[in-house]
Protein backbone atom coordinates (compact mmCIF):
# COMPACT_ATOMS: atom_id res chain seq x y z
CA MET A 1 263.56 221.16 -52.75
CA ALA A 2 262.94 219.98 -56.24
CA ALA A 3 261.24 216.60 -56.59
CA PRO A 4 263.26 213.81 -58.25
CA LEU A 5 263.01 213.30 -62.05
CA SER A 6 261.61 209.76 -61.50
CA GLU A 7 258.59 211.17 -59.63
CA LYS A 8 257.81 213.58 -62.35
CA ILE A 9 257.96 210.87 -64.97
CA GLY A 10 255.82 208.70 -62.73
CA TYR A 11 253.22 211.51 -62.54
CA GLY A 12 253.31 211.82 -66.31
CA PHE A 13 252.58 208.12 -66.69
CA GLY A 14 249.07 208.68 -65.14
CA ASP A 15 247.88 211.01 -67.87
CA MET A 16 249.64 209.01 -70.54
CA ALA A 17 247.23 206.18 -69.57
CA SER A 18 244.13 208.41 -69.37
CA SER A 19 244.93 210.12 -72.67
CA MET A 20 245.38 206.82 -74.57
CA PHE A 21 241.80 205.85 -73.64
CA TRP A 22 240.44 209.47 -74.08
CA LYS A 23 241.71 209.81 -77.66
CA VAL A 24 240.49 206.39 -78.71
CA PHE A 25 237.04 207.36 -77.36
CA SER A 26 237.06 210.76 -79.11
CA TYR A 27 238.16 209.66 -82.51
CA TYR A 28 237.00 206.02 -82.82
CA LEU A 29 234.02 205.33 -80.49
CA PRO A 30 231.39 207.05 -82.70
CA PHE A 31 232.59 205.10 -85.71
CA PHE A 32 232.65 201.92 -83.57
CA TYR A 33 229.03 202.27 -82.43
CA SER A 34 227.70 203.10 -86.01
CA ASN A 35 229.89 200.85 -88.19
CA ILE A 36 231.04 198.00 -85.97
CA PHE A 37 228.64 197.61 -83.13
CA GLY A 38 225.61 198.31 -85.25
CA LEU A 39 223.73 201.29 -83.78
CA SER A 40 221.91 203.88 -85.83
CA LEU A 41 223.45 207.38 -86.16
CA VAL A 42 220.50 208.88 -84.11
CA ASP A 43 220.82 206.42 -81.30
CA THR A 44 224.71 206.87 -81.27
CA GLY A 45 224.38 210.62 -81.03
CA ILE A 46 221.88 210.47 -78.13
CA LEU A 47 224.09 207.92 -76.40
CA LEU A 48 227.15 210.16 -76.64
CA LEU A 49 225.28 213.22 -75.50
CA VAL A 50 223.71 211.48 -72.35
CA THR A 51 226.96 209.90 -71.26
CA ARG A 52 228.88 213.15 -71.77
CA ILE A 53 226.48 215.00 -69.45
CA TRP A 54 226.89 212.34 -66.86
CA ASP A 55 230.59 212.35 -67.28
CA ALA A 56 230.65 216.13 -66.50
CA VAL A 57 228.30 216.25 -63.54
CA SER A 58 229.98 213.27 -61.92
CA ASP A 59 233.32 215.09 -61.71
CA PRO A 60 232.54 217.31 -58.71
CA MET A 61 230.94 214.27 -56.94
CA MET A 62 234.21 212.43 -57.28
CA GLY A 63 236.15 215.49 -56.07
CA VAL A 64 234.14 215.64 -52.89
CA ILE A 65 234.66 211.95 -52.19
CA ALA A 66 238.45 212.22 -52.86
CA ASP A 67 238.78 215.29 -50.47
CA ARG A 68 237.30 213.19 -47.74
CA THR A 69 239.43 210.03 -48.41
CA ARG A 70 242.00 209.18 -45.66
CA THR A 71 244.52 206.29 -46.20
CA LYS A 72 248.17 205.55 -45.42
CA TRP A 73 248.95 206.46 -49.04
CA GLY A 74 247.18 209.81 -48.97
CA LYS A 75 243.87 211.15 -50.15
CA TYR A 76 244.16 211.00 -53.98
CA ARG A 77 246.98 208.67 -54.86
CA PRO A 78 245.14 205.39 -53.73
CA TYR A 79 242.55 205.77 -56.46
CA LEU A 80 245.40 204.97 -58.99
CA LEU A 81 245.75 201.56 -57.33
CA TRP A 82 242.06 200.93 -56.65
CA VAL A 83 240.64 201.93 -59.95
CA ALA A 84 243.34 200.85 -62.42
CA ALA A 85 241.94 197.37 -63.03
CA PRO A 86 238.22 198.46 -63.27
CA PHE A 87 239.37 201.22 -65.70
CA SER A 88 240.96 198.64 -68.01
CA ILE A 89 238.12 196.05 -67.70
CA CYS A 90 235.47 198.69 -68.44
CA GLY A 91 237.43 199.79 -71.53
CA ILE A 92 237.39 196.28 -72.86
CA LEU A 93 233.69 195.92 -72.14
CA LEU A 94 232.97 199.18 -73.87
CA PHE A 95 234.47 197.75 -77.17
CA THR A 96 232.76 194.41 -76.81
CA THR A 97 229.93 193.60 -79.25
CA PRO A 98 227.48 191.03 -77.71
CA ASP A 99 225.55 188.89 -80.12
CA TRP A 100 222.08 190.11 -79.02
CA GLY A 101 219.14 191.85 -80.45
CA TYR A 102 219.21 195.56 -81.10
CA GLY A 103 217.38 196.69 -78.05
CA ALA A 104 219.53 194.57 -75.74
CA LYS A 105 222.63 195.87 -77.42
CA LEU A 106 221.64 199.50 -77.00
CA ILE A 107 221.04 198.88 -73.34
CA TRP A 108 224.53 197.27 -73.18
CA ALA A 109 226.02 200.28 -74.91
CA TYR A 110 224.49 202.71 -72.27
CA VAL A 111 225.53 200.56 -69.33
CA THR A 112 229.14 199.97 -70.44
CA TYR A 113 229.71 203.51 -71.61
CA ILE A 114 228.20 205.11 -68.37
CA LEU A 115 230.33 202.64 -66.40
CA MET A 116 233.44 203.54 -68.31
CA MET A 117 232.88 207.23 -67.80
CA THR A 118 232.20 206.72 -64.15
CA VAL A 119 235.52 204.85 -63.55
CA TYR A 120 237.31 207.33 -65.77
CA THR A 121 236.28 210.09 -63.56
CA GLY A 122 236.96 207.86 -60.46
CA ILE A 123 240.67 207.79 -61.39
CA ASN A 124 241.24 210.94 -63.36
CA VAL A 125 239.81 213.44 -60.91
CA PRO A 126 241.95 212.24 -57.89
CA TYR A 127 244.98 211.95 -60.26
CA GLY A 128 244.61 215.61 -61.24
CA ALA A 129 244.15 216.74 -57.55
CA MET A 130 247.39 214.97 -56.74
CA LEU A 131 249.17 218.03 -58.25
CA GLY A 132 248.13 220.08 -55.26
CA VAL A 133 249.72 217.74 -52.66
CA MET A 134 252.94 216.63 -54.43
CA THR A 135 254.57 219.90 -53.82
CA ASP A 136 253.88 223.36 -52.27
CA ASN A 137 256.15 225.16 -54.78
CA SER A 138 254.15 227.04 -57.41
CA LYS A 139 256.97 226.69 -60.02
CA GLU A 140 257.34 222.99 -59.27
CA LYS A 141 253.65 222.50 -59.94
CA THR A 142 254.15 223.88 -63.39
CA VAL A 143 257.02 221.38 -63.91
CA PHE A 144 254.90 218.45 -62.79
CA SER A 145 251.99 219.76 -64.92
CA SER A 146 254.40 219.94 -67.92
CA PHE A 147 255.48 216.32 -67.44
CA ARG A 148 251.87 215.32 -67.27
CA MET A 149 250.89 217.04 -70.54
CA PHE A 150 253.99 215.90 -72.35
CA PHE A 151 253.23 212.30 -71.55
CA ALA A 152 249.55 212.85 -72.21
CA TYR A 153 250.26 213.98 -75.79
CA GLY A 154 252.74 211.15 -76.11
CA GLY A 155 250.14 208.67 -75.06
CA SER A 156 247.54 210.08 -77.46
CA PHE A 157 250.00 209.97 -80.37
CA ILE A 158 250.89 206.29 -79.61
CA ALA A 159 247.27 205.17 -79.20
CA LEU A 160 246.13 206.89 -82.40
CA PHE A 161 249.12 205.77 -84.37
CA LEU A 162 248.87 202.12 -83.33
CA TRP A 163 245.02 201.72 -83.29
CA ASP A 164 244.38 201.03 -86.98
CA PRO A 165 247.50 198.74 -87.36
CA ILE A 166 246.47 196.69 -84.35
CA CYS A 167 242.87 196.30 -85.62
CA ASN A 168 244.09 195.25 -89.02
CA LEU A 169 246.56 192.85 -87.56
CA PHE A 170 243.82 190.89 -85.65
CA GLU A 171 241.40 191.15 -88.62
CA ASN A 172 243.57 190.58 -91.59
CA VAL A 173 246.35 188.32 -90.20
CA ALA A 174 244.61 186.47 -87.37
CA GLY A 175 241.39 186.26 -89.35
CA LYS A 176 239.16 187.68 -86.53
CA SER A 177 235.89 189.47 -87.15
CA PRO A 178 235.91 193.32 -87.06
CA GLN A 179 234.01 193.19 -83.70
CA THR A 180 236.47 190.82 -82.10
CA SER A 181 239.44 192.74 -83.67
CA TRP A 182 238.32 195.96 -82.09
CA GLN A 183 237.80 194.27 -78.69
CA LEU A 184 241.35 192.62 -78.78
CA ALA A 185 242.85 195.95 -79.90
CA MET A 186 241.34 197.56 -76.76
CA CYS A 187 242.77 194.68 -74.64
CA VAL A 188 246.21 195.78 -75.87
CA ILE A 189 245.58 199.43 -74.94
CA ALA A 190 243.96 198.56 -71.67
CA ALA A 191 246.86 196.39 -70.60
CA CYS A 192 249.24 199.29 -71.28
CA CYS A 193 247.06 201.70 -69.32
CA PHE A 194 246.86 199.30 -66.34
CA ILE A 195 250.73 199.06 -66.14
CA LEU A 196 251.06 202.86 -66.45
CA PHE A 197 248.66 203.61 -63.62
CA LEU A 198 250.44 201.19 -61.38
CA LEU A 199 253.70 202.89 -62.19
CA CYS A 200 252.28 206.20 -61.46
CA PHE A 201 251.05 205.03 -58.08
CA SER A 202 254.47 203.50 -57.13
CA MET A 203 256.66 206.41 -58.36
CA THR A 204 254.75 209.20 -56.71
CA LYS A 205 253.96 210.44 -53.18
CA GLU A 206 251.68 212.99 -51.50
CA LYS A 207 254.10 215.16 -49.57
CA VAL A 208 251.95 218.28 -48.65
CA LYS A 209 249.97 217.95 -45.43
CA GLN A 210 247.05 220.07 -46.11
CA ILE A 211 244.81 221.82 -43.63
CA SER A 212 242.33 219.24 -42.54
CA THR A 213 239.09 220.33 -40.72
CA GLN A 214 235.65 218.90 -40.47
CA SER A 215 233.49 220.83 -43.04
CA SER A 216 230.18 220.06 -44.50
CA LEU A 217 229.60 219.65 -48.22
CA GLY A 218 227.36 222.77 -48.10
CA ARG A 219 230.21 224.79 -46.76
CA ASP A 220 232.62 223.42 -49.30
CA LEU A 221 230.28 224.23 -52.13
CA LYS A 222 229.66 227.66 -50.70
CA ASP A 223 233.45 228.30 -50.48
CA LEU A 224 233.82 227.16 -54.10
CA VAL A 225 231.16 229.52 -55.60
CA THR A 226 232.52 232.49 -53.71
CA ASN A 227 236.04 231.82 -54.99
CA LYS A 228 236.77 234.63 -57.41
CA PRO A 229 239.98 233.30 -59.00
CA TRP A 230 238.20 229.83 -59.43
CA TRP A 231 235.43 231.46 -61.51
CA LEU A 232 237.88 233.45 -63.69
CA LEU A 233 240.17 230.48 -64.28
CA ASN A 234 237.14 228.35 -65.16
CA GLY A 235 236.14 230.89 -67.77
CA ALA A 236 239.63 231.07 -69.27
CA SER A 237 239.91 227.23 -69.29
CA LEU A 238 236.51 226.81 -70.95
CA CYS A 239 237.59 229.31 -73.61
CA PHE A 240 240.95 227.42 -74.09
CA ASN A 241 239.03 224.18 -74.65
CA LEU A 242 236.50 225.87 -76.91
CA PHE A 243 239.38 227.22 -78.98
CA ASN A 244 240.85 223.72 -79.40
CA THR A 245 237.57 221.97 -80.06
CA VAL A 246 236.27 224.45 -82.65
CA ARG A 247 239.46 224.14 -84.78
CA GLY A 248 239.77 220.39 -84.17
CA ALA A 249 236.22 219.60 -85.13
CA THR A 250 236.42 221.68 -88.23
CA VAL A 251 239.68 220.24 -89.68
CA ALA A 252 238.10 217.26 -91.39
CA TYR A 253 235.42 219.28 -93.05
CA PHE A 254 237.88 222.02 -93.97
CA PHE A 255 240.04 219.53 -95.86
CA VAL A 256 237.37 217.62 -97.60
CA ASP A 257 235.49 220.71 -98.90
CA ILE A 258 238.34 223.22 -99.35
CA ILE A 259 241.83 221.58 -99.51
CA ASP A 260 240.84 218.50 -101.32
CA LYS A 261 238.89 220.44 -103.94
CA ALA A 262 242.04 222.38 -104.92
CA PRO A 263 243.46 221.37 -108.35
CA ASP A 264 246.75 220.50 -106.72
CA HIS A 265 246.61 219.77 -102.95
CA ASP A 266 250.19 218.44 -102.47
CA LEU A 267 253.27 219.80 -100.67
CA PHE A 268 256.68 219.75 -102.42
CA LEU A 269 259.85 219.21 -100.41
CA PHE A 270 263.16 218.80 -102.20
CA GLY A 271 261.44 217.60 -105.23
CA LEU A 272 259.32 215.10 -103.35
CA LYS A 273 255.54 215.30 -103.46
CA ILE A 274 253.78 214.96 -100.09
CA LEU A 275 249.96 214.63 -99.88
CA PHE A 276 248.61 217.42 -97.74
CA TYR A 277 245.78 215.75 -95.72
CA SER A 278 243.97 216.07 -92.44
CA GLY A 279 245.95 213.36 -90.76
CA LEU A 280 249.29 215.10 -91.52
CA PHE A 281 247.85 218.41 -90.42
CA LEU A 282 246.60 216.92 -87.03
CA GLY A 283 249.59 214.71 -86.40
CA ILE A 284 252.12 217.47 -86.75
CA GLY A 285 249.96 219.50 -84.40
CA GLU A 286 250.29 216.69 -81.69
CA VAL A 287 254.12 216.79 -82.06
CA ALA A 288 254.05 220.65 -81.87
CA ASN A 289 251.88 220.36 -78.65
CA MET A 290 254.67 218.39 -77.12
CA ILE A 291 257.25 221.05 -78.01
CA GLY A 292 254.95 223.59 -76.30
CA VAL A 293 254.71 221.54 -73.20
CA ALA A 294 258.47 221.20 -73.04
CA ILE A 295 259.05 225.09 -73.18
CA ALA A 296 256.22 226.00 -70.87
CA VAL A 297 258.24 225.72 -67.66
CA PRO A 298 261.23 227.98 -68.75
CA ILE A 299 258.77 230.62 -70.03
CA THR A 300 256.62 230.71 -67.01
CA ASN A 301 259.76 230.78 -64.79
CA ILE A 302 260.99 233.98 -66.55
CA ILE A 303 257.75 235.98 -66.88
CA GLY A 304 255.22 234.19 -64.65
CA LYS A 305 252.00 232.19 -65.19
CA LYS A 306 249.45 234.97 -65.78
CA PRO A 307 251.76 236.96 -68.22
CA THR A 308 252.42 233.69 -70.14
CA PHE A 309 248.69 233.08 -70.32
CA VAL A 310 248.12 236.64 -71.72
CA MET A 311 250.93 236.40 -74.17
CA VAL A 312 249.71 233.03 -75.54
CA ASP A 313 246.14 234.48 -76.00
CA ILE A 314 247.49 237.45 -77.81
CA LEU A 315 249.61 235.29 -80.19
CA LEU A 316 246.73 232.87 -80.77
CA ILE A 317 244.56 235.80 -81.92
CA GLY A 318 247.15 237.00 -84.34
CA PHE A 319 248.08 233.74 -85.84
CA SER A 320 244.50 232.51 -86.18
CA ILE A 321 243.73 235.65 -88.12
CA LEU A 322 246.86 235.10 -90.34
CA PHE A 323 245.53 231.68 -91.21
CA PHE A 324 242.64 233.43 -93.06
CA LEU A 325 245.10 235.01 -95.46
CA CYS A 326 246.64 231.68 -96.60
CA PRO A 327 245.70 231.02 -100.27
CA VAL A 328 244.48 227.59 -101.37
CA SER A 329 247.73 226.67 -103.25
CA PRO A 330 250.87 224.64 -102.59
CA THR A 331 252.54 227.82 -101.19
CA GLY A 332 249.50 228.53 -98.97
CA PHE A 333 249.49 224.90 -97.72
CA TRP A 334 252.99 225.34 -96.43
CA CYS A 335 251.82 228.58 -94.64
CA MET A 336 248.84 226.73 -93.17
CA LEU A 337 251.23 223.86 -91.87
CA LEU A 338 253.59 226.41 -90.52
CA LEU A 339 250.78 228.28 -88.67
CA GLN A 340 249.48 224.96 -87.37
CA VAL A 341 252.86 224.19 -85.87
CA VAL A 342 252.94 227.63 -84.20
CA ILE A 343 249.45 227.57 -82.94
CA SER A 344 249.90 223.96 -81.59
CA VAL A 345 253.11 224.98 -79.81
CA LEU A 346 251.19 227.84 -78.15
CA THR A 347 248.24 225.57 -76.94
CA GLY A 348 250.88 223.12 -75.84
CA ILE A 349 252.28 225.83 -73.59
CA MET A 350 248.75 226.58 -72.22
CA SER A 351 247.94 222.93 -71.31
CA PRO A 352 250.26 222.46 -68.33
CA LEU A 353 249.74 226.11 -67.37
CA VAL A 354 245.96 225.80 -66.80
CA TRP A 355 246.47 222.78 -64.49
CA SER A 356 249.30 224.47 -62.55
CA MET A 357 247.06 227.55 -62.00
CA TYR A 358 244.25 225.33 -60.68
CA ALA A 359 246.82 224.08 -58.06
CA ASP A 360 247.42 227.73 -57.17
CA VAL A 361 243.65 228.37 -56.83
CA SER A 362 243.52 225.33 -54.56
CA ASP A 363 246.27 226.95 -52.21
CA TYR A 364 244.33 230.22 -52.25
CA SER A 365 241.15 228.47 -51.18
CA GLU A 366 242.89 226.54 -48.41
CA LEU A 367 244.36 229.69 -46.91
CA LYS A 368 241.09 231.71 -47.33
CA ASN A 369 238.66 229.06 -46.02
CA GLY A 370 240.84 227.12 -43.62
CA THR A 371 240.23 223.75 -45.22
CA ALA A 372 241.49 221.94 -48.43
CA THR A 373 239.10 221.12 -51.24
CA THR A 374 241.69 220.25 -53.89
CA GLY A 375 239.74 217.39 -55.39
CA LEU A 376 236.47 219.55 -55.69
CA ILE A 377 238.54 222.36 -57.27
CA PHE A 378 240.43 220.14 -59.73
CA SER A 379 237.08 218.39 -60.74
CA SER A 380 235.89 221.73 -61.92
CA ALA A 381 238.84 221.90 -64.26
CA SER A 382 237.80 218.52 -65.81
CA MET A 383 234.22 219.92 -66.08
CA ALA A 384 235.38 222.97 -67.94
CA GLN A 385 237.29 220.75 -70.30
CA LYS A 386 234.38 218.48 -70.98
CA PHE A 387 231.80 221.27 -71.33
CA GLY A 388 234.14 223.25 -73.62
CA GLY A 389 234.51 220.17 -75.75
CA ALA A 390 230.78 219.59 -75.81
CA ILE A 391 229.82 223.21 -76.58
CA GLY A 392 232.57 223.49 -79.22
CA GLY A 393 231.64 220.39 -81.05
CA ALA A 394 227.95 221.18 -81.06
CA ALA A 395 228.55 224.77 -82.10
CA VAL A 396 230.48 223.68 -85.17
CA MET A 397 227.65 221.36 -86.21
CA TRP A 398 224.95 224.03 -85.63
CA LEU A 399 226.89 226.75 -87.56
CA LEU A 400 227.55 224.53 -90.51
CA ASP A 401 224.00 223.43 -90.57
CA GLY A 402 222.74 227.03 -90.43
CA MET A 403 224.83 228.04 -93.35
CA GLY A 404 223.52 225.27 -95.50
CA TYR A 405 226.36 222.72 -95.39
CA ILE A 406 225.60 219.57 -97.42
CA ALA A 407 226.59 216.44 -95.52
CA ALA A 408 227.66 213.36 -97.57
CA GLY A 409 224.91 211.30 -96.02
CA ASP A 410 222.33 213.63 -97.44
CA VAL A 411 223.07 212.82 -101.03
CA ASN A 412 223.60 209.86 -103.20
CA ALA A 413 226.98 208.14 -102.87
CA ASP A 414 227.94 208.96 -106.54
CA ALA A 415 226.74 212.56 -106.32
CA VAL A 416 229.41 215.44 -106.54
CA VAL A 417 228.84 217.60 -103.56
CA VAL A 418 229.29 221.35 -104.18
CA GLN A 419 228.96 223.38 -100.96
CA PRO A 420 227.22 226.77 -101.04
CA GLN A 421 229.50 229.72 -100.54
CA GLY A 422 228.03 230.42 -97.18
CA ALA A 423 229.16 226.98 -95.95
CA ILE A 424 232.71 227.54 -97.31
CA THR A 425 232.99 230.92 -95.67
CA CYS A 426 231.73 229.41 -92.37
CA LEU A 427 234.50 226.79 -92.65
CA TRP A 428 237.15 229.47 -93.02
CA MET A 429 235.57 231.47 -89.99
CA LEU A 430 235.70 228.33 -87.88
CA MET A 431 239.43 227.92 -88.62
CA THR A 432 240.29 231.55 -88.14
CA PHE A 433 238.13 234.38 -86.80
CA ILE A 434 235.87 232.40 -84.47
CA PRO A 435 238.83 230.85 -82.55
CA ALA A 436 240.50 234.24 -82.52
CA GLY A 437 237.31 235.65 -80.84
CA VAL A 438 237.38 232.92 -78.30
CA ALA A 439 241.06 233.61 -77.54
CA LEU A 440 240.08 237.28 -77.21
CA LEU A 441 237.48 236.36 -74.59
CA SER A 442 239.98 234.37 -72.79
CA LEU A 443 242.43 237.18 -72.68
CA ILE A 444 239.80 239.51 -71.08
CA ILE A 445 238.96 236.99 -68.45
CA VAL A 446 242.51 236.01 -67.49
CA TRP A 447 243.48 239.73 -67.36
CA LEU A 448 241.18 239.99 -64.23
CA TYR A 449 242.75 236.87 -62.65
CA PRO A 450 244.32 238.05 -59.38
CA LEU A 451 246.93 235.34 -58.45
CA GLY A 452 250.10 236.63 -59.86
CA THR A 453 253.66 235.40 -58.86
CA THR A 454 254.06 237.82 -55.94
CA LYS A 455 250.64 237.05 -54.45
CA MET A 456 251.18 233.25 -54.75
CA GLU A 457 254.50 233.55 -52.96
CA GLU A 458 252.83 235.33 -50.12
CA ILE A 459 250.04 232.85 -50.02
CA VAL A 460 252.35 229.85 -49.98
CA SER A 461 254.51 231.33 -47.29
CA LYS A 462 251.52 232.01 -44.99
CA LEU A 463 250.04 228.68 -45.71
CA ASN A 464 253.32 226.74 -44.90
CA LYS A 465 253.30 228.46 -41.52
CA ILE A 466 249.77 227.11 -40.85
CA ARG A 467 250.57 223.71 -42.22
CA ASN A 468 253.68 223.43 -40.10
CA ASP A 469 252.00 224.69 -36.83
CA LYS A 470 248.61 223.08 -36.40
CA SER A 471 248.03 225.16 -33.22
CA LEU A 472 247.57 228.24 -35.50
CA MET A 473 244.34 226.62 -36.57
CA ASP A 474 242.91 227.30 -33.16
CA ASN A 475 244.62 230.60 -32.69
CA PRO A 476 242.98 233.97 -33.29
CA GLN A 477 245.90 234.92 -35.40
CA TYR A 478 244.64 232.50 -37.98
CA ASP A 479 242.06 235.11 -39.12
CA GLU A 480 244.94 237.58 -39.58
CA MET A 481 246.80 235.18 -41.72
CA THR A 482 243.94 234.87 -44.13
CA ASP A 483 243.60 238.60 -44.71
CA LEU A 484 245.61 238.53 -47.83
CA ALA A 485 243.29 235.92 -49.45
CA ASN A 486 240.16 237.63 -48.21
CA GLN A 487 241.19 240.93 -49.78
CA MET A 488 241.51 239.38 -53.26
């Protein structure tokens, strides 16, 4: 039976809250540390690297804890209630600038950022794992995942759209200092996130009673690393995040050094002149992502999850290469914008698909191993996302540096920067052929992924028999019921 619309909306509220924080961190925190808080660029870079590594390795730790949680509200859902307030408070502390010496402020930055990433993991990993226990229907999981990603993109858009106006309101209208203005702006975002998490908790339920056996951490980890579909989906998910990060991290450089250097970098619509700039390019991409999320469910219902993944990868390869053929002219800018819409719709389709497939991997593991490790499996999805972002962002910097890119900070403020041809070519490659190559690698990996529609229907059917008859757990027939999974 399909879940009510209110529960799907409630589930979406959870990632809406997380994404509001995540996008502010991604786009504004480096600037905050270097320009508002007062850290050097070198210290800022080291701080971001150290905290990102901790953020990634803490995910499986939280997954293990959540899998072993037992409350009247379920295993994963209670963390929405328990961590909502610490999440909001840590966000405010993160954007607080104490009036201390440099060394003490640096320590404050490390403590508050690591604390923020810890509570982010503490609420986000259980939230993601909830998808595996809200329904046992594979198609319904895609629907829930689509609501999640649609609200996530909506939350990102709202936070990014309102951040500057809120900061300016406190600074220019209320007369606050930049440091206080940024802190108060985060208070507004944090309050919204707190309410959204509580709504998510109150509007959702854990309905699936998973197989529950006493298993050691060592056994859980062994089951995980011998899970073939898990490895393949991790590889495909890593490539997906690499694709997004490489393109996203390149956009600002691409516009500054290629688009803005064109004699006429405007769009003309019905006689109106519209400035073609990176914010417009990225903003339209966010809206297109939401369209992709909205059409993900009907597409996967018709052709299945794996074929949809393959189709999207093929189209991403083709459209990424087409981007290389766009001329640097008003006509070419329209082509670039159109391709950005199409590519963003495709990545929007992929976003809920990946999370839904992790829920399928969780069911496969539960049937094969006789115990549920949903939190541990979903934590790996978060790890793939974070490592993909870290690798992609670093790769862009390394490639540009290797091709002789001239950063604005390396020359006098009044100097006219002319990039070497190698750097210009590298920017084009980072927007086109390199993402296409990553999509090709994803295509190869997902082609080997074994959990198609028919196999998942068989897995869910057998799993439901075990879940509904606990006596099967102690029955020799249980081994026979896991044959399907063990043969994959």
